[in-house]
Amino acid sequence: MSEAERPDRLAEGRRVTIEDIRALAGPSTPHFALQIRNRIRRLIEGLPEDDPVRLEGERHIARLEQLAQHSGDPRGVGPGAQAAH
């Protein structure tokens, strides 16, 4: 997955919508969660703090950061494994 955004979402004069945010965040998987987070962050960066689209984007950013923690790439010693000395 690329972090490049669709040109129509970045067109000058076009307002980002809640539907844009949901379309990006909806199909997210742990593996691509941080790339999608970055795309959403770029879309909402210029919006006022109380803008509904920004609030929706921030909500999805928090969810994507949580999702990224479950990427299926565990770290550390698992149950029943012996630590190396």
C-alpha atoms as a PDB file:
ATOM      1  CA  MET A   1       0.000   0.000   0.000  1.00  0.00           C
ATOM      2  CA  SER A   2       1.266   3.418  -0.878  1.00  0.00           C
ATOM      3  CA  GLU A   3       1.046   6.498   1.292  1.00  0.00           C
ATOM      4  CA  ALA A   4       0.333   8.552  -1.822  1.00  0.00           C
ATOM      5  CA  GLU A   5      -3.113  10.052  -1.830  1.00  0.00           C
ATOM      6  CA  ARG A   6      -5.595   9.991  -4.669  1.00  0.00           C
ATOM      7  CA  PRO A   7      -5.276  13.257  -6.609  1.00  0.00           C
ATOM      8  CA  ASP A   8      -9.015  13.955  -6.400  1.00  0.00           C
ATOM      9  CA  ARG A   9      -8.846  13.986  -2.590  1.00  0.00           C
ATOM     10  CA  LEU A  10      -6.084  16.595  -2.717  1.00  0.00           C
ATOM     11  CA  ALA A  11      -7.573  18.795  -5.435  1.00  0.00           C
ATOM     12  CA  GLU A  12      -7.414  22.483  -4.637  1.00  0.00           C
ATOM     13  CA  GLY A  13     -10.734  23.816  -3.428  1.00  0.00           C
ATOM     14  CA  ARG A  14     -12.117  20.343  -2.667  1.00  0.00           C
ATOM     15  CA  ARG A  15     -13.122  19.855   0.937  1.00  0.00           C
ATOM     16  CA  VAL A  16     -12.183  16.586   2.643  1.00  0.00           C
ATOM     17  CA  THR A  17     -15.285  14.775   3.892  1.00  0.00           C
ATOM     18  CA  ILE A  18     -16.059  12.342   6.671  1.00  0.00           C
ATOM     19  CA  GLU A  19     -16.782   9.820   3.928  1.00  0.00           C
ATOM     20  CA  ASP A  20     -13.192  10.278   2.631  1.00  0.00           C
ATOM     21  CA  ILE A  21     -11.841   9.475   6.090  1.00  0.00           C
ATOM     22  CA  ARG A  22     -14.099   6.451   6.489  1.00  0.00           C
ATOM     23  CA  ALA A  23     -13.232   5.168   3.020  1.00  0.00           C
ATOM     24  CA  LEU A  24      -9.536   5.239   3.898  1.00  0.00           C
ATOM     25  CA  ALA A  25      -9.833   3.784   7.387  1.00  0.00           C
ATOM     26  CA  GLY A  26     -12.520   1.188   6.746  1.00  0.00           C
ATOM     27  CA  PRO A  27     -10.496  -1.542   5.017  1.00  0.00           C
ATOM     28  CA  SER A  28      -7.445  -1.156   7.253  1.00  0.00           C
ATOM     29  CA  THR A  29      -5.414  -4.116   8.462  1.00  0.00           C
ATOM     30  CA  PRO A  30      -2.708  -4.169  11.155  1.00  0.00           C
ATOM     31  CA  HIS A  31      -0.006  -4.383   8.504  1.00  0.00           C
ATOM     32  CA  PHE A  32      -1.083  -1.168   6.729  1.00  0.00           C
ATOM     33  CA  ALA A  33      -2.580   0.726   9.680  1.00  0.00           C
ATOM     34  CA  LEU A  34       0.276   3.220  10.063  1.00  0.00           C
ATOM     35  CA  GLN A  35       0.365   4.036   6.353  1.00  0.00           C
ATOM     36  CA  ILE A  36      -3.372   4.720   6.394  1.00  0.00           C
ATOM     37  CA  ARG A  37      -2.918   6.793   9.570  1.00  0.00           C
ATOM     38  CA  ASN A  38      -0.365   8.947   7.753  1.00  0.00           C
ATOM     39  CA  ARG A  39      -2.704   9.468   4.803  1.00  0.00           C
ATOM     40  CA  ILE A  40      -5.530  10.570   7.096  1.00  0.00           C
ATOM     41  CA  ARG A  41      -3.195  12.837   9.043  1.00  0.00           C
ATOM     42  CA  ARG A  42      -2.193  14.614   5.798  1.00  0.00           C
ATOM     43  CA  LEU A  43      -5.833  15.073   4.799  1.00  0.00           C
ATOM     44  CA  ILE A  44      -6.875  16.702   8.085  1.00  0.00           C
ATOM     45  CA  GLU A  45      -3.737  18.676   8.951  1.00  0.00           C
ATOM     46  CA  GLY A  46      -5.082  22.051   7.832  1.00  0.00           C
ATOM     47  CA  LEU A  47      -8.539  21.706   9.354  1.00  0.00           C
ATOM     48  CA  PRO A  48      -9.577  23.585  12.522  1.00  0.00           C
ATOM     49  CA  GLU A  49      -9.435  21.575  15.754  1.00  0.00           C
ATOM     50  CA  ASP A  50     -13.223  21.559  16.139  1.00  0.00           C
ATOM     51  CA  ASP A  51     -13.969  20.572  12.527  1.00  0.00           C
ATOM     52  CA  PRO A  52     -16.123  17.408  12.415  1.00  0.00           C
ATOM     53  CA  VAL A  53     -13.954  15.923   9.644  1.00  0.00           C
ATOM     54  CA  ARG A  54     -10.805  16.483  11.716  1.00  0.00           C
ATOM     55  CA  LEU A  55     -12.452  14.934  14.796  1.00  0.00           C
ATOM     56  CA  GLU A  56     -13.466  11.890  12.757  1.00  0.00           C
ATOM     57  CA  GLY A  57      -9.932  11.656  11.363  1.00  0.00           C
ATOM     58  CA  GLU A  58      -8.373  11.852  14.830  1.00  0.00           C
ATOM     59  CA  ARG A  59     -10.721   9.136  16.072  1.00  0.00           C
ATOM     60  CA  HIS A  60      -9.637   6.855  13.234  1.00  0.00           C
ATOM     61  CA  ILE A  61      -5.965   7.730  13.760  1.00  0.00           C
ATOM     62  CA  ALA A  62      -6.220   6.552  17.387  1.00  0.00           C
ATOM     63  CA  ARG A  63      -7.927   3.331  16.265  1.00  0.00           C
ATOM     64  CA  LEU A  64      -5.314   2.703  13.577  1.00  0.00           C
ATOM     65  CA  GLU A  65      -2.478   3.174  16.066  1.00  0.00           C
ATOM     66  CA  GLN A  66      -4.114   0.566  18.293  1.00  0.00           C
ATOM     67  CA  LEU A  67      -4.612  -1.756  15.327  1.00  0.00           C
ATOM     68  CA  ALA A  68      -0.945  -1.435  14.329  1.00  0.00           C
ATOM     69  CA  GLN A  69       0.065  -2.915  17.683  1.00  0.00           C
ATOM     70  CA  HIS A  70      -1.505  -6.196  16.558  1.00  0.00           C
ATOM     71  CA  SER A  71       0.501  -6.696  13.403  1.00  0.00           C
ATOM     72  CA  GLY A  72       1.106 -10.400  14.034  1.00  0.00           C
ATOM     73  CA  ASP A  73       4.799  -9.818  14.639  1.00  0.00           C
ATOM     74  CA  PRO A  74       5.155 -10.605  18.349  1.00  0.00           C
ATOM     75  CA  ARG A  75       8.265  -9.590  20.228  1.00  0.00           C
ATOM     76  CA  GLY A  76       9.857 -11.252  23.221  1.00  0.00           C
ATOM     77  CA  VAL A  77       9.830 -14.743  24.629  1.00  0.00           C
ATOM     78  CA  GLY A  78       6.558 -16.594  24.278  1.00  0.00           C
ATOM     79  CA  PRO A  79       4.950 -18.994  26.743  1.00  0.00           C
ATOM     80  CA  GLY A  80       6.891 -22.199  27.221  1.00  0.00           C
ATOM     81  CA  ALA A  81      10.017 -20.817  25.517  1.00  0.00           C
ATOM     82  CA  GLN A  82      13.255 -20.613  27.425  1.00  0.00           C
ATOM     83  CA  ALA A  83      15.174 -17.359  27.478  1.00  0.00           C
ATOM     84  CA  ALA A  84      18.737 -17.513  26.182  1.00  0.00           C
ATOM     85  CA  HIS A  85      21.407 -16.882  28.785  1.00  0.00           C
END
